[in-house]
Amino acid sequence: MSLMPKRVKYRKQQRGKMKGNATRGNYVAYGEFGVQVLEGGWLSARQIEAGRVACRQEIGKSGKFFCRVFPDKPISKKPLETRMGTGKAEPEFWAAVIKPGQILYEVSGVSAESAKAAFARVAYKMPFRCRFVERRPA
């Protein structure tokens, strides 16, 4: 089952602008290691779930896993061969708006090598360039 909000105030949203870098969620806050995106765009709920499954399979039951993104934007798409007009289409899928520098996933309680291997699998599933980051010393 894909991620989506339980309730929304409005069924449809405008596309919006995706400019600038992430000012929130751009450092490892919950775990020890994380995967950070270097490009911006939309990340669909299916892609988020694929990354979660890939990371979980790699690290197993050891360690704690944190997902830092949630798809809260409805993306609508008109059917093929439809004439212009007739209003906005129904929501097709849910997506998260991703800005460059945002942390997608974090893990703790695993070694750096296993976290790096897990996030290499995750990065392969993502539509953006990603990099492995560690928690900054406090």
C-alpha atoms as a PDB file:
ATOM      1  CA  MET A   1       0.000   0.000   0.000  1.00  0.00           C
ATOM      2  CA  SER A   2       1.462   3.335  -1.008  1.00  0.00           C
ATOM      3  CA  LEU A   3       1.901   6.296   1.302  1.00  0.00           C
ATOM      4  CA  MET A   4      -0.691   9.037   1.168  1.00  0.00           C
ATOM      5  CA  PRO A   5      -2.322  11.436   3.629  1.00  0.00           C
ATOM      6  CA  LYS A   6      -5.357  10.258   5.577  1.00  0.00           C
ATOM      7  CA  ARG A   7      -7.207  13.531   4.977  1.00  0.00           C
ATOM      8  CA  VAL A   8      -6.526  16.656   2.930  1.00  0.00           C
ATOM      9  CA  LYS A   9      -8.236  20.005   3.005  1.00  0.00           C
ATOM     10  CA  TYR A  10      -8.228  20.297  -0.805  1.00  0.00           C
ATOM     11  CA  ARG A  11      -8.181  17.418  -3.286  1.00  0.00           C
ATOM     12  CA  LYS A  12      -6.043  19.143  -5.921  1.00  0.00           C
ATOM     13  CA  GLN A  13      -3.002  21.420  -5.761  1.00  0.00           C
ATOM     14  CA  GLN A  14      -1.157  23.621  -8.206  1.00  0.00           C
ATOM     15  CA  ARG A  15       2.234  22.490  -9.432  1.00  0.00           C
ATOM     16  CA  GLY A  16       4.248  25.175  -7.640  1.00  0.00           C
ATOM     17  CA  LYS A  17       7.881  26.213  -7.986  1.00  0.00           C
ATOM     18  CA  MET A  18      10.763  23.944  -7.029  1.00  0.00           C
ATOM     19  CA  LYS A  19      13.586  26.436  -6.689  1.00  0.00           C
ATOM     20  CA  GLY A  20      16.226  26.927  -4.025  1.00  0.00           C
ATOM     21  CA  ASN A  21      17.976  24.542  -1.686  1.00  0.00           C
ATOM     22  CA  ALA A  22      16.536  22.783   1.342  1.00  0.00           C
ATOM     23  CA  THR A  23      16.757  24.875   4.487  1.00  0.00           C
ATOM     24  CA  ARG A  24      14.937  22.326   6.652  1.00  0.00           C
ATOM     25  CA  GLY A  25      15.628  18.612   6.815  1.00  0.00           C
ATOM     26  CA  ASN A  26      19.116  19.043   5.380  1.00  0.00           C
ATOM     27  CA  TYR A  27      21.151  17.376   8.148  1.00  0.00           C
ATOM     28  CA  VAL A  28      21.153  13.959   9.837  1.00  0.00           C
ATOM     29  CA  ALA A  29      18.920  14.428  12.876  1.00  0.00           C
ATOM     30  CA  TYR A  30      17.633  11.011  14.040  1.00  0.00           C
ATOM     31  CA  GLY A  31      20.181   8.397  12.949  1.00  0.00           C
ATOM     32  CA  GLU A  32      23.919   8.163  12.456  1.00  0.00           C
ATOM     33  CA  PHE A  33      24.019   7.914   8.649  1.00  0.00           C
ATOM     34  CA  GLY A  34      21.775   9.300   5.935  1.00  0.00           C
ATOM     35  CA  VAL A  35      21.251   9.678   2.201  1.00  0.00           C
ATOM     36  CA  GLN A  36      21.071  13.252   0.877  1.00  0.00           C
ATOM     37  CA  VAL A  37      19.731  14.298  -2.531  1.00  0.00           C
ATOM     38  CA  LEU A  38      21.726  16.659  -4.728  1.00  0.00           C
ATOM     39  CA  GLU A  39      18.905  17.558  -7.148  1.00  0.00           C
ATOM     40  CA  GLY A  40      15.311  18.653  -6.740  1.00  0.00           C
ATOM     41  CA  GLY A  41      11.999  17.409  -8.080  1.00  0.00           C
ATOM     42  CA  TRP A  42       9.065  15.210  -7.150  1.00  0.00           C
ATOM     43  CA  LEU A  43       9.509  11.862  -5.414  1.00  0.00           C
ATOM     44  CA  SER A  44       6.467   9.638  -5.824  1.00  0.00           C
ATOM     45  CA  ALA A  45       5.074   7.462  -3.050  1.00  0.00           C
ATOM     46  CA  ARG A  46       6.092   4.335  -4.975  1.00  0.00           C
ATOM     47  CA  GLN A  47       9.698   5.537  -5.208  1.00  0.00           C
ATOM     48  CA  ILE A  48       9.754   6.321  -1.480  1.00  0.00           C
ATOM     49  CA  GLU A  49       8.470   2.825  -0.723  1.00  0.00           C
ATOM     50  CA  ALA A  50      10.993   1.228  -3.103  1.00  0.00           C
ATOM     51  CA  GLY A  51      13.820   3.001  -1.293  1.00  0.00           C
ATOM     52  CA  ARG A  52      12.479   1.919   2.087  1.00  0.00           C
ATOM     53  CA  VAL A  53      12.213  -1.725   1.036  1.00  0.00           C
ATOM     54  CA  ALA A  54      15.711  -1.715  -0.515  1.00  0.00           C
ATOM     55  CA  CYS A  55      17.253  -0.261   2.654  1.00  0.00           C
ATOM     56  CA  ARG A  56      15.384  -2.634   4.952  1.00  0.00           C
ATOM     57  CA  GLN A  57      16.443  -5.679   2.911  1.00  0.00           C
ATOM     58  CA  GLU A  58      20.085  -4.605   3.051  1.00  0.00           C
ATOM     59  CA  ILE A  59      20.364  -3.817   6.784  1.00  0.00           C
ATOM     60  CA  GLY A  60      17.966  -6.545   7.929  1.00  0.00           C
ATOM     61  CA  LYS A  61      16.318  -6.391  11.325  1.00  0.00           C
ATOM     62  CA  SER A  62      19.342  -4.793  12.953  1.00  0.00           C
ATOM     63  CA  GLY A  63      19.393  -1.043  13.331  1.00  0.00           C
ATOM     64  CA  LYS A  64      16.703   1.614  13.301  1.00  0.00           C
ATOM     65  CA  PHE A  65      15.397   3.100  10.061  1.00  0.00           C
ATOM     66  CA  PHE A  66      13.971   6.620   9.646  1.00  0.00           C
ATOM     67  CA  CYS A  67      12.124   7.957   6.586  1.00  0.00           C
ATOM     68  CA  ARG A  68      12.303  11.757   6.480  1.00  0.00           C
ATOM     69  CA  VAL A  69       9.960  12.435   3.534  1.00  0.00           C
ATOM     70  CA  PHE A  70       6.219  12.004   3.092  1.00  0.00           C
ATOM     71  CA  PRO A  71       4.182  12.334  -0.131  1.00  0.00           C
ATOM     72  CA  ASP A  72       1.632  15.051   0.614  1.00  0.00           C
ATOM     73  CA  LYS A  73       1.209  16.606  -2.848  1.00  0.00           C
ATOM     74  CA  PRO A  74      -1.489  15.212  -5.182  1.00  0.00           C
ATOM     75  CA  ILE A  75      -0.287  15.064  -8.792  1.00  0.00           C
ATOM     76  CA  SER A  76      -3.053  15.017 -11.407  1.00  0.00           C
ATOM     77  CA  LYS A  77      -2.702  13.890 -15.010  1.00  0.00           C
ATOM     78  CA  LYS A  78      -5.171  14.101 -17.863  1.00  0.00           C
ATOM     79  CA  PRO A  79      -5.940  10.934 -19.840  1.00  0.00           C
ATOM     80  CA  LEU A  80      -4.305  10.512 -23.228  1.00  0.00           C
ATOM     81  CA  GLU A  81      -6.126  11.881 -26.291  1.00  0.00           C
ATOM     82  CA  THR A  82      -8.309  14.208 -24.218  1.00  0.00           C
ATOM     83  CA  ARG A  83      -9.263  17.582 -25.633  1.00  0.00           C
ATOM     84  CA  MET A  84      -8.156  20.753 -23.907  1.00  0.00           C
ATOM     85  CA  GLY A  85     -10.506  22.206 -21.348  1.00  0.00           C
ATOM     86  CA  THR A  86     -12.974  20.121 -19.307  1.00  0.00           C
ATOM     87  CA  GLY A  87     -11.281  21.080 -16.029  1.00  0.00           C
ATOM     88  CA  LYS A  88      -8.397  19.722 -14.030  1.00  0.00           C
ATOM     89  CA  ALA A  89      -7.874  15.974 -13.993  1.00  0.00           C
ATOM     90  CA  GLU A  90      -8.237  13.715 -10.976  1.00  0.00           C
ATOM     91  CA  PRO A  91      -5.177  13.022  -8.783  1.00  0.00           C
ATOM     92  CA  GLU A  92      -3.040  10.280 -10.341  1.00  0.00           C
ATOM     93  CA  PHE A  93      -0.485   9.735  -7.548  1.00  0.00           C
ATOM     94  CA  TRP A  94       1.008  11.368  -4.462  1.00  0.00           C
ATOM     95  CA  ALA A  95       4.472  12.917  -4.368  1.00  0.00           C
ATOM     96  CA  ALA A  96       6.867  14.648  -2.006  1.00  0.00           C
ATOM     97  CA  VAL A  97       8.488  17.903  -3.112  1.00  0.00           C
ATOM     98  CA  ILE A  98      12.262  17.408  -2.822  1.00  0.00           C
ATOM     99  CA  LYS A  99      14.782  20.243  -2.780  1.00  0.00           C
ATOM    100  CA  PRO A 100      18.550  19.829  -3.201  1.00  0.00           C
ATOM    101  CA  GLY A 101      20.235  18.991   0.102  1.00  0.00           C
ATOM    102  CA  GLN A 102      17.281  17.249   1.711  1.00  0.00           C
ATOM    103  CA  ILE A 103      17.828  14.036   3.718  1.00  0.00           C
ATOM    104  CA  LEU A 104      15.589  11.194   2.531  1.00  0.00           C
ATOM    105  CA  TYR A 105      16.416   8.286   4.844  1.00  0.00           C
ATOM    106  CA  GLU A 106      18.494   7.731   7.973  1.00  0.00           C
ATOM    107  CA  VAL A 107      19.727   4.654   9.826  1.00  0.00           C
ATOM    108  CA  SER A 108      21.282   4.091  13.231  1.00  0.00           C
ATOM    109  CA  GLY A 109      22.656   1.066  15.040  1.00  0.00           C
ATOM    110  CA  VAL A 110      24.524  -0.343  12.020  1.00  0.00           C
ATOM    111  CA  SER A 111      28.135  -0.132  10.867  1.00  0.00           C
ATOM    112  CA  ALA A 112      29.242   2.499   8.375  1.00  0.00           C
ATOM    113  CA  GLU A 113      29.984  -0.162   5.734  1.00  0.00           C
ATOM    114  CA  SER A 114      26.526  -1.746   5.913  1.00  0.00           C
ATOM    115  CA  ALA A 115      24.868   1.687   5.927  1.00  0.00           C
ATOM    116  CA  LYS A 116      26.898   2.699   2.876  1.00  0.00           C
ATOM    117  CA  ALA A 117      25.920  -0.515   1.057  1.00  0.00           C
ATOM    118  CA  ALA A 118      22.253  -0.027   1.960  1.00  0.00           C
ATOM    119  CA  PHE A 119      22.213   3.580   0.777  1.00  0.00           C
ATOM    120  CA  ALA A 120      23.983   2.626  -2.454  1.00  0.00           C
ATOM    121  CA  ARG A 121      20.978   0.389  -3.195  1.00  0.00           C
ATOM    122  CA  VAL A 122      18.609   3.183  -2.201  1.00  0.00           C
ATOM    123  CA  ALA A 123      20.399   5.713  -4.427  1.00  0.00           C
ATOM    124  CA  TYR A 124      19.986   3.351  -7.381  1.00  0.00           C
ATOM    125  CA  LYS A 125      16.198   3.471  -6.892  1.00  0.00           C
ATOM    126  CA  MET A 126      16.009   7.274  -6.646  1.00  0.00           C
ATOM    127  CA  PRO A 127      15.441   9.547  -9.684  1.00  0.00           C
ATOM    128  CA  PHE A 128      18.016  12.044  -8.294  1.00  0.00           C
ATOM    129  CA  ARG A 129      21.745  12.010  -7.630  1.00  0.00           C
ATOM    130  CA  CYS A 130      22.343  11.142  -3.973  1.00  0.00           C
ATOM    131  CA  ARG A 131      25.243  11.035  -1.555  1.00  0.00           C
ATOM    132  CA  PHE A 132      26.039   9.268   1.707  1.00  0.00           C
ATOM    133  CA  VAL A 133      26.300  11.571   4.743  1.00  0.00           C
ATOM    134  CA  GLU A 134      27.160  11.061   8.422  1.00  0.00           C
ATOM    135  CA  ARG A 135      25.940  12.843  11.515  1.00  0.00           C
ATOM    136  CA  ARG A 136      27.959  15.956  12.331  1.00  0.00           C
ATOM    137  CA  PRO A 137      29.759  15.769  15.684  1.00  0.00           C
ATOM    138  CA  ALA A 138      27.908  17.891  18.222  1.00  0.00           C
END
